[in-house]
Amino acid sequence: MMEHRKKSRYYLSLLLVIVFVLSLTGCQASGDGGKPAGEKKAETRIVTDLVGNQVTIKADVEKIAVVPIPWATIVYAVDGSGKKIVGLHPSAMKAYQKNILKVMAPEIANANSTFVDNNFNVNYEEVAKLKPDLVVIWDYQPEIGKKLSELGIPSVAIKYGTLEDVQNGIKLVGEILGQQERAAALIKYQQETNSYLKSKESTLAGKDKPKTLYLRDEQLQVATGQSVNKIMIDTAGGVNVADEVTGDNWKKVTMEQVIAWNPEVIILSNFSEILPEDLYANKFAGQDWSKIEAVKNKKVYKAPMGIYRWDAPCVETPLMIKWLGKVFHSEVFTDYDMRTDLKNFYQTYFNYKLTDPELDQILNSKLNPVLKI
C-alpha cells in the first residue's frame, strides 16, 4: 500500500511538471495579443505613390522630411500634429513663421529647412542627418528619389496641378501615417465643396465673369493658364486674364500686357509682401496701375492665409474657392457664411477653436476692408 502511494505521488508530480513546462512553451510561442511568434507585426509595408512607384516604408513612420512647399501642412492636417515633420521647404517655413500654424503647432519650429533650397534641390548630407523614415518629393524628381534610395532613405512622389492631385495626395499621406479616416474626412469636405459649387453653376452661367489677374509679386509674375489658380478662378465664376500665358504656373509679363488685359479684379498672393495699397499708390517704378479697372474701383485683394498660403493647392483650397466666389459674386453666394465655415473647418479638422481676431488674420480683413467677409 505504501509503495502504491509513493508511485501515485510520483506520477502526480510528473504530470504537474509536464503541465508547467507546456504552459511555459505556450507563452513563449505567443507574440503580442496571443499571436504565434511567426505572426509578429511586420516591420515594413508597401505603399504606391502618385506616379505608380511601389515604395517599401517602415510600418510606423515617425519622421518625415517634405520637399514640396504645401505638403508639410498636408502632413500636419492628416496626422493632426506636426511632430513627425523633421524637415520642410524654406518657403514653407517662411509661411509658417507668420501664420496661425505657428500657434497651433509650435513643434514645427524645430524642423530643419536647410536640407532643400528654394529650387527644390536636396542637400543629401543634410537630409541624412535628419534620419527620416520617409522623404516626400515632387513627381518630376526621380533622380532625387534614386539618390535617396542609395542612402537607404525611401521617398514617395506626389503630383501638383489639379484639385484631384491634392485629394490623391491626401489619401496617400493618410495611408503612410495610418490616418486613413482623417484623410477621408478631408477629402469628403473637398468633394462636398465641389458639389456645392456645382449647384451654383447654372446661376453663375448668367453672370458676367470678372476679368481677374492673380499677381504673385511686384516683378509682375502672374498665374498662367496652366496654374491651379486658373482652376480656382474659373470654378468661382471668374476668368483668368492670363489664360493664354503658358509654360509654367507663374510667368513674368510686362506692364503693357497687364494694361491690355485691364483686369477688373486683382488677387495678390502671399508668396510676396505686395499689398493692395502698393498698387493704389503706384508704388513700383516703371509700372502704372492708375488706369487699371481693378485699381480705379478698389478691387485689389490680398489672398487669405490659414495654416498655409491659400494661393497654392492645399487642404484649405475649398475655402479659397468659396472665398473667391464671395469676391466675384457675393449676390450668388448669400447662403454661404465664410466665417462660420472657417470656424467649423478648424474645429472639425484641426481641433482648434478660432477667435474672431484669428479669423480676421486668416482672411486678411484689415487689408481687404471693402470685403464684407
Protein backbone atom coordinates (compact mmCIF):
# COMPACT_ATOMS: atom_id res chain seq x y z
CA MET A 1 0.00 0.00 0.00
CA MET A 2 2.81 2.40 0.94
CA GLU A 3 4.61 1.67 -2.32
CA HIS A 4 1.42 2.30 -4.29
CA ARG A 5 1.00 5.73 -2.65
CA LYS A 6 4.59 6.64 -3.45
CA LYS A 7 4.06 5.75 -7.11
CA SER A 8 0.85 7.82 -7.21
CA ARG A 9 2.60 10.86 -5.76
CA TYR A 10 5.44 10.36 -8.24
CA TYR A 11 3.12 10.25 -11.25
CA LEU A 12 1.13 13.23 -9.99
CA SER A 13 4.31 15.27 -9.57
CA LEU A 14 5.48 14.25 -13.02
CA LEU A 15 2.14 15.29 -14.51
CA LEU A 16 2.31 18.71 -12.82
CA VAL A 17 5.84 19.25 -14.14
CA ILE A 18 4.72 18.39 -17.69
CA VAL A 19 1.75 20.79 -17.46
CA PHE A 20 4.01 23.57 -16.15
CA VAL A 21 6.56 23.07 -18.95
CA LEU A 22 3.85 23.05 -21.59
CA SER A 23 2.39 26.28 -20.22
CA LEU A 24 5.78 27.98 -20.44
CA THR A 25 6.22 26.76 -24.01
CA GLY A 26 2.81 28.13 -24.91
CA CYS A 27 3.67 31.56 -23.52
CA GLN A 28 6.93 31.69 -25.45
CA ALA A 29 5.20 30.68 -28.67
CA SER A 30 2.75 33.56 -28.42
CA GLY A 31 3.50 37.11 -29.57
CA ASP A 32 1.59 40.32 -28.93
CA GLY A 33 -2.10 39.73 -28.39
CA GLY A 34 -1.58 35.98 -28.09
CA LYS A 35 -0.47 35.63 -31.73
CA PRO A 36 2.10 32.96 -32.60
CA ALA A 37 5.67 34.24 -32.87
CA GLY A 38 5.56 33.74 -36.63
CA GLU A 39 2.75 36.31 -36.87
CA LYS A 40 4.51 39.28 -35.27
CA LYS A 41 3.67 42.71 -36.67
CA ALA A 42 5.55 43.40 -39.90
CA GLU A 43 8.35 45.95 -39.65
CA THR A 44 7.76 47.31 -43.17
CA ARG A 45 4.95 47.72 -45.65
CA ILE A 46 4.49 48.85 -49.25
CA VAL A 47 2.67 51.96 -50.49
CA THR A 48 2.14 53.11 -54.06
CA ASP A 49 2.92 56.79 -54.68
CA LEU A 50 1.24 59.09 -57.19
CA VAL A 51 3.49 58.12 -60.10
CA GLY A 52 2.98 54.39 -59.52
CA ASN A 53 6.19 53.61 -57.63
CA GLN A 54 5.83 50.84 -55.06
CA VAL A 55 7.79 52.04 -52.05
CA THR A 56 8.77 50.00 -49.01
CA ILE A 57 8.41 52.08 -45.86
CA LYS A 58 8.52 51.45 -42.12
CA ALA A 59 5.32 50.07 -40.65
CA ASP A 60 5.25 53.04 -38.28
CA VAL A 61 6.56 56.20 -39.94
CA GLU A 62 7.69 58.66 -37.28
CA LYS A 63 9.96 61.13 -39.13
CA ILE A 64 9.13 62.81 -42.44
CA ALA A 65 11.05 65.37 -44.49
CA VAL A 66 8.95 67.24 -47.05
CA VAL A 67 10.35 68.83 -50.23
CA PRO A 68 7.15 70.25 -51.86
CA ILE A 69 6.16 73.54 -50.23
CA PRO A 70 2.48 72.95 -49.34
CA TRP A 71 2.83 69.34 -48.29
CA ALA A 72 4.19 69.85 -44.79
CA THR A 73 0.81 71.33 -43.87
CA ILE A 74 -0.95 68.40 -45.52
CA VAL A 75 1.08 66.06 -43.29
CA TYR A 76 0.04 68.20 -40.33
CA ALA A 77 -3.64 68.18 -41.31
CA VAL A 78 -3.79 64.44 -41.92
CA ASP A 79 -1.82 63.49 -38.81
CA GLY A 80 -3.34 66.11 -36.52
CA SER A 81 0.13 67.15 -35.38
CA GLY A 82 3.44 68.46 -36.69
CA LYS A 83 5.57 66.20 -34.50
CA LYS A 84 6.56 63.89 -37.36
CA ILE A 85 7.77 66.72 -39.60
CA VAL A 86 11.57 66.86 -39.28
CA GLY A 87 12.20 68.86 -42.47
CA LEU A 88 10.30 71.25 -44.73
CA HIS A 89 10.95 73.68 -47.59
CA PRO A 90 12.33 77.13 -46.61
CA SER A 91 9.33 78.82 -48.24
CA ALA A 92 7.01 76.64 -46.17
CA MET A 93 8.94 77.63 -43.05
CA LYS A 94 8.65 81.31 -44.03
CA ALA A 95 4.88 80.96 -44.31
CA TYR A 96 4.72 79.05 -41.01
CA GLN A 97 6.58 81.77 -39.15
CA LYS A 98 3.92 84.37 -39.97
CA ASN A 99 0.67 82.38 -39.98
CA ILE A 100 -1.62 80.77 -37.44
CA LEU A 101 0.03 77.34 -37.67
CA LYS A 102 2.85 78.73 -35.54
CA VAL A 103 0.33 78.94 -32.70
CA MET A 104 -1.41 75.66 -33.49
CA ALA A 105 1.72 73.54 -33.96
CA PRO A 106 4.73 75.18 -32.24
CA GLU A 107 6.70 71.93 -32.64
CA ILE A 108 7.18 72.61 -36.37
CA ALA A 109 9.53 75.48 -35.46
CA ASN A 110 12.14 72.82 -34.65
CA ALA A 111 12.04 71.30 -38.14
CA ASN A 112 15.01 71.68 -40.49
CA SER A 113 14.54 73.95 -43.51
CA THR A 114 18.06 73.83 -44.96
CA PHE A 115 18.04 70.29 -46.41
CA VAL A 116 16.31 71.67 -49.53
CA ASP A 117 16.77 75.00 -51.31
CA ASN A 118 14.23 77.31 -52.94
CA ASN A 119 14.60 75.46 -56.25
CA PHE A 120 13.83 72.12 -54.58
CA ASN A 121 17.40 70.83 -54.78
CA VAL A 122 18.14 68.43 -51.91
CA ASN A 123 21.29 68.57 -49.79
CA TYR A 124 21.84 64.85 -49.22
CA GLU A 125 24.28 65.32 -46.37
CA GLU A 126 21.74 67.48 -44.53
CA VAL A 127 18.83 65.14 -45.15
CA ALA A 128 20.87 62.15 -43.95
CA LYS A 129 21.46 63.93 -40.64
CA LEU A 130 17.70 64.13 -40.13
CA LYS A 131 17.43 60.32 -40.34
CA PRO A 132 13.94 60.50 -41.84
CA ASP A 133 11.81 57.40 -42.25
CA LEU A 134 10.50 58.94 -45.46
CA VAL A 135 11.01 61.93 -47.78
CA VAL A 136 8.17 63.43 -49.85
CA ILE A 137 9.34 64.68 -53.27
CA TRP A 138 7.81 66.05 -56.48
CA ASP A 139 6.81 63.73 -59.31
CA TYR A 140 9.46 65.30 -61.56
CA GLN A 141 12.32 64.39 -59.20
CA PRO A 142 13.06 60.70 -59.92
CA GLU A 143 16.82 61.32 -59.74
CA ILE A 144 16.46 62.67 -56.21
CA GLY A 145 14.38 59.64 -55.31
CA LYS A 146 17.08 57.36 -56.71
CA LYS A 147 19.84 59.11 -54.76
CA LEU A 148 17.82 58.95 -51.54
CA SER A 149 17.26 55.24 -52.13
CA GLU A 150 21.03 54.75 -52.41
CA LEU A 151 21.30 56.36 -48.98
CA GLY A 152 18.72 53.94 -47.63
CA ILE A 153 16.00 56.60 -47.41
CA PRO A 154 12.66 55.80 -49.07
CA SER A 155 10.76 58.56 -50.89
CA VAL A 156 7.26 58.99 -52.29
CA ALA A 157 6.42 61.27 -55.21
CA ILE A 158 3.34 63.49 -55.29
CA LYS A 159 1.78 65.43 -58.16
CA TYR A 160 0.87 69.11 -58.41
CA GLY A 161 -1.55 70.71 -60.80
CA THR A 162 -5.16 69.75 -60.19
CA LEU A 163 -7.52 69.57 -57.23
CA GLU A 164 -7.72 65.80 -57.81
CA ASP A 165 -3.94 65.63 -57.32
CA VAL A 166 -4.42 67.22 -53.91
CA GLN A 167 -7.06 64.67 -52.94
CA ASN A 168 -4.93 61.76 -54.13
CA GLY A 169 -2.01 63.16 -52.17
CA ILE A 170 -4.08 63.50 -49.01
CA LYS A 171 -5.15 59.87 -49.40
CA LEU A 172 -1.52 58.76 -49.83
CA VAL A 173 -0.39 60.66 -46.72
CA GLY A 174 -3.25 59.07 -44.79
CA GLU A 175 -2.08 55.62 -45.86
CA ILE A 176 1.53 56.39 -44.94
CA LEU A 177 0.62 57.66 -41.48
CA GLY A 178 -2.14 55.17 -40.75
CA GLN A 179 -4.60 58.07 -40.68
CA GLN A 180 -6.98 56.90 -43.39
CA GLU A 181 -10.08 58.17 -41.58
CA ARG A 182 -8.74 61.70 -41.15
CA ALA A 183 -7.62 61.76 -44.79
CA ALA A 184 -11.02 60.52 -45.96
CA ALA A 185 -12.76 63.24 -43.93
CA LEU A 186 -10.63 65.97 -45.53
CA ILE A 187 -11.30 64.56 -48.99
CA LYS A 188 -15.02 64.38 -48.25
CA TYR A 189 -15.03 68.08 -47.36
CA GLN A 190 -13.39 68.86 -50.69
CA GLN A 191 -15.95 66.75 -52.54
CA GLU A 192 -18.84 68.38 -50.68
CA THR A 193 -17.45 71.78 -51.65
CA ASN A 194 -17.29 70.66 -55.28
CA SER A 195 -20.96 69.65 -55.10
CA TYR A 196 -21.89 72.99 -53.54
CA LEU A 197 -20.03 74.91 -56.24
CA LYS A 198 -21.66 72.82 -58.98
CA SER A 199 -25.03 73.80 -57.56
CA LYS A 200 -24.11 77.41 -58.38
CA GLU A 201 -23.06 76.77 -61.98
CA SER A 202 -26.42 77.47 -63.62
CA THR A 203 -26.78 80.76 -61.74
CA LEU A 204 -23.20 81.79 -62.46
CA ALA A 205 -23.67 80.99 -66.16
CA GLY A 206 -25.92 84.02 -66.48
CA LYS A 207 -23.48 86.35 -64.76
CA ASP A 208 -20.64 88.43 -66.18
CA LYS A 209 -17.36 86.80 -65.24
CA PRO A 210 -14.96 89.38 -63.79
CA LYS A 211 -11.63 89.54 -65.59
CA THR A 212 -9.16 88.56 -62.89
CA LEU A 213 -5.40 88.90 -62.56
CA TYR A 214 -3.68 86.73 -59.97
CA LEU A 215 -0.46 88.59 -59.18
CA ARG A 216 2.38 86.86 -57.35
CA ASP A 217 4.70 89.82 -56.75
CA GLU A 218 5.95 93.24 -57.84
CA GLN A 219 8.04 91.56 -60.55
CA LEU A 220 4.76 91.01 -62.43
CA GLN A 221 4.72 87.24 -62.15
CA VAL A 222 1.14 86.15 -62.86
CA ALA A 223 -0.82 82.90 -62.55
CA THR A 224 -0.93 81.34 -66.01
CA GLY A 225 -3.48 79.26 -67.86
CA GLN A 226 -1.69 76.16 -66.57
CA SER A 227 -1.92 77.11 -62.91
CA VAL A 228 -4.22 75.77 -60.22
CA ASN A 229 -5.16 79.42 -59.62
CA LYS A 230 -6.83 79.43 -63.04
CA ILE A 231 -8.92 76.43 -61.89
CA MET A 232 -9.86 78.26 -58.69
CA ILE A 233 -10.86 81.42 -60.59
CA ASP A 234 -12.91 79.53 -63.18
CA THR A 235 -14.70 77.43 -60.55
CA ALA A 236 -15.63 80.54 -58.55
CA GLY A 237 -17.14 82.29 -61.58
CA GLY A 238 -14.30 84.47 -62.82
CA VAL A 239 -11.97 84.38 -65.81
CA ASN A 240 -8.19 84.44 -65.63
CA VAL A 241 -6.90 87.21 -67.91
CA ALA A 242 -3.59 85.35 -68.28
CA ASP A 243 -5.15 82.17 -69.66
CA GLU A 244 -3.13 82.35 -72.86
CA VAL A 245 0.15 82.53 -70.93
CA THR A 246 1.66 79.04 -70.69
CA GLY A 247 4.89 77.29 -69.79
CA ASP A 248 4.70 77.34 -66.01
CA ASN A 249 2.36 78.03 -63.10
CA TRP A 250 3.73 81.58 -62.73
CA LYS A 251 5.17 83.65 -65.56
CA LYS A 252 6.61 87.15 -65.70
CA VAL A 253 4.78 89.56 -68.01
CA THR A 254 5.09 93.23 -68.91
CA MET A 255 3.08 96.16 -67.57
CA GLU A 256 1.94 96.80 -71.14
CA GLN A 257 0.36 93.36 -71.17
CA VAL A 258 -1.40 93.99 -67.86
CA ILE A 259 -2.76 97.29 -69.21
CA ALA A 260 -4.02 95.49 -72.33
CA TRP A 261 -5.78 92.90 -70.15
CA ASN A 262 -7.21 95.64 -67.90
CA PRO A 263 -8.35 93.25 -65.13
CA GLU A 264 -11.47 94.08 -63.13
CA VAL A 265 -10.25 92.19 -60.06
CA ILE A 266 -6.68 91.63 -58.85
CA ILE A 267 -5.79 88.96 -56.28
CA LEU A 268 -2.40 89.36 -54.58
CA SER A 269 -0.60 86.21 -53.47
CA ASN A 270 1.09 85.54 -50.15
CA PHE A 271 4.31 84.46 -51.85
CA SER A 272 5.39 88.09 -51.54
CA GLU A 273 4.66 91.07 -49.29
CA ILE A 274 2.85 93.01 -52.03
CA LEU A 275 -0.25 94.84 -50.75
CA PRO A 276 -3.33 96.47 -52.32
CA GLU A 277 -2.04 99.88 -51.17
CA ASP A 278 1.10 99.36 -53.25
CA LEU A 279 -0.96 99.31 -56.43
CA TYR A 280 -3.34 102.06 -55.33
CA ALA A 281 -0.32 104.30 -54.60
CA ASN A 282 1.51 103.33 -57.82
CA LYS A 283 4.47 102.41 -55.65
CA PHE A 284 6.54 100.42 -58.18
CA ALA A 285 8.80 102.24 -60.62
CA GLY A 286 8.04 101.61 -64.27
CA GLN A 287 4.52 100.36 -63.51
CA ASP A 288 1.40 102.49 -63.98
CA TRP A 289 -1.60 100.91 -62.28
CA SER A 290 -3.73 104.06 -62.23
CA LYS A 291 -5.74 103.20 -65.36
CA ILE A 292 -6.46 99.58 -64.42
CA GLU A 293 -10.16 98.98 -63.66
CA ALA A 294 -9.44 96.91 -60.53
CA VAL A 295 -7.30 99.70 -59.11
CA LYS A 296 -9.70 102.50 -60.01
CA ASN A 297 -12.59 100.62 -58.39
CA LYS A 298 -10.59 99.48 -55.33
CA LYS A 299 -10.95 95.79 -56.19
CA VAL A 300 -7.43 94.64 -55.34
CA TYR A 301 -7.46 91.99 -52.62
CA LYS A 302 -4.84 90.14 -50.60
CA ALA A 303 -5.50 86.39 -50.62
CA PRO A 304 -6.14 84.66 -47.28
CA MET A 305 -3.54 82.58 -45.48
CA GLY A 306 -4.51 79.93 -42.94
CA ILE A 307 -2.18 77.10 -41.97
CA TYR A 308 -0.64 77.76 -45.39
CA ARG A 309 -0.98 80.18 -48.31
CA TRP A 310 -4.34 79.70 -49.97
CA ASP A 311 -2.68 80.60 -53.30
CA ALA A 312 -1.40 77.03 -53.68
CA PRO A 313 -3.25 73.70 -53.68
CA CYS A 314 -3.63 72.59 -50.07
CA VAL A 315 -6.20 71.27 -47.59
CA GLU A 316 -7.77 74.75 -47.45
CA THR A 317 -8.24 75.07 -51.22
CA PRO A 318 -12.03 74.52 -50.96
CA LEU A 319 -12.18 77.52 -48.63
CA MET A 320 -10.16 79.59 -51.11
CA ILE A 321 -12.56 78.85 -53.95
CA LYS A 322 -15.56 79.81 -51.83
CA TRP A 323 -13.76 83.00 -50.77
CA LEU A 324 -13.25 83.83 -54.46
CA GLY A 325 -16.94 83.15 -55.04
CA LYS A 326 -17.79 85.75 -52.39
CA VAL A 327 -15.35 88.20 -54.01
CA PHE A 328 -16.68 87.71 -57.55
CA HIS A 329 -20.40 87.12 -56.96
CA SER A 330 -21.44 87.93 -53.41
CA GLU A 331 -25.09 88.04 -54.53
CA VAL A 332 -24.88 84.39 -55.67
CA PHE A 333 -23.20 83.15 -52.51
CA THR A 334 -25.54 84.79 -50.00
CA ASP A 335 -26.24 81.35 -48.47
CA TYR A 336 -22.57 80.86 -47.63
CA ASP A 337 -21.16 82.18 -44.35
CA MET A 338 -17.39 82.22 -44.78
CA ARG A 339 -16.53 82.92 -41.16
CA THR A 340 -18.79 80.19 -39.78
CA ASP A 341 -17.47 77.65 -42.29
CA LEU A 342 -13.90 78.60 -41.48
CA LYS A 343 -14.51 78.23 -37.75
CA ASN A 344 -16.17 74.85 -38.25
CA PHE A 345 -13.38 73.66 -40.53
CA TYR A 346 -10.66 74.42 -38.00
CA GLN A 347 -12.65 72.91 -35.13
CA THR A 348 -13.53 69.76 -37.07
CA TYR A 349 -10.26 69.01 -38.83
CA PHE A 350 -7.63 70.68 -36.64
CA ASN A 351 -9.41 70.56 -33.26
CA TYR A 352 -8.70 74.28 -32.94
CA LYS A 353 -11.19 76.98 -31.96
CA LEU A 354 -10.57 80.18 -33.91
CA THR A 355 -11.09 83.55 -32.26
CA ASP A 356 -12.54 86.48 -34.20
CA PRO A 357 -9.13 88.20 -34.40
CA GLU A 358 -7.67 84.97 -35.80
CA LEU A 359 -10.43 84.84 -38.40
CA ASP A 360 -9.54 88.39 -39.41
CA GLN A 361 -5.87 87.39 -39.60
CA ILE A 362 -6.59 84.43 -41.89
CA LEU A 363 -8.92 86.43 -44.15
CA ASN A 364 -6.59 89.46 -44.22
CA SER A 365 -9.59 91.55 -43.20
CA LYS A 366 -7.54 94.67 -42.42
CA LEU A 367 -6.00 94.59 -45.90
CA ASN A 368 -9.38 93.90 -47.51
CA PRO A 369 -11.71 96.32 -45.68
CA VAL A 370 -14.09 96.59 -48.64
CA LEU A 371 -14.90 92.89 -48.49
CA LYS A 372 -17.73 92.07 -46.10
CA ILE A 373 -16.49 88.57 -45.33
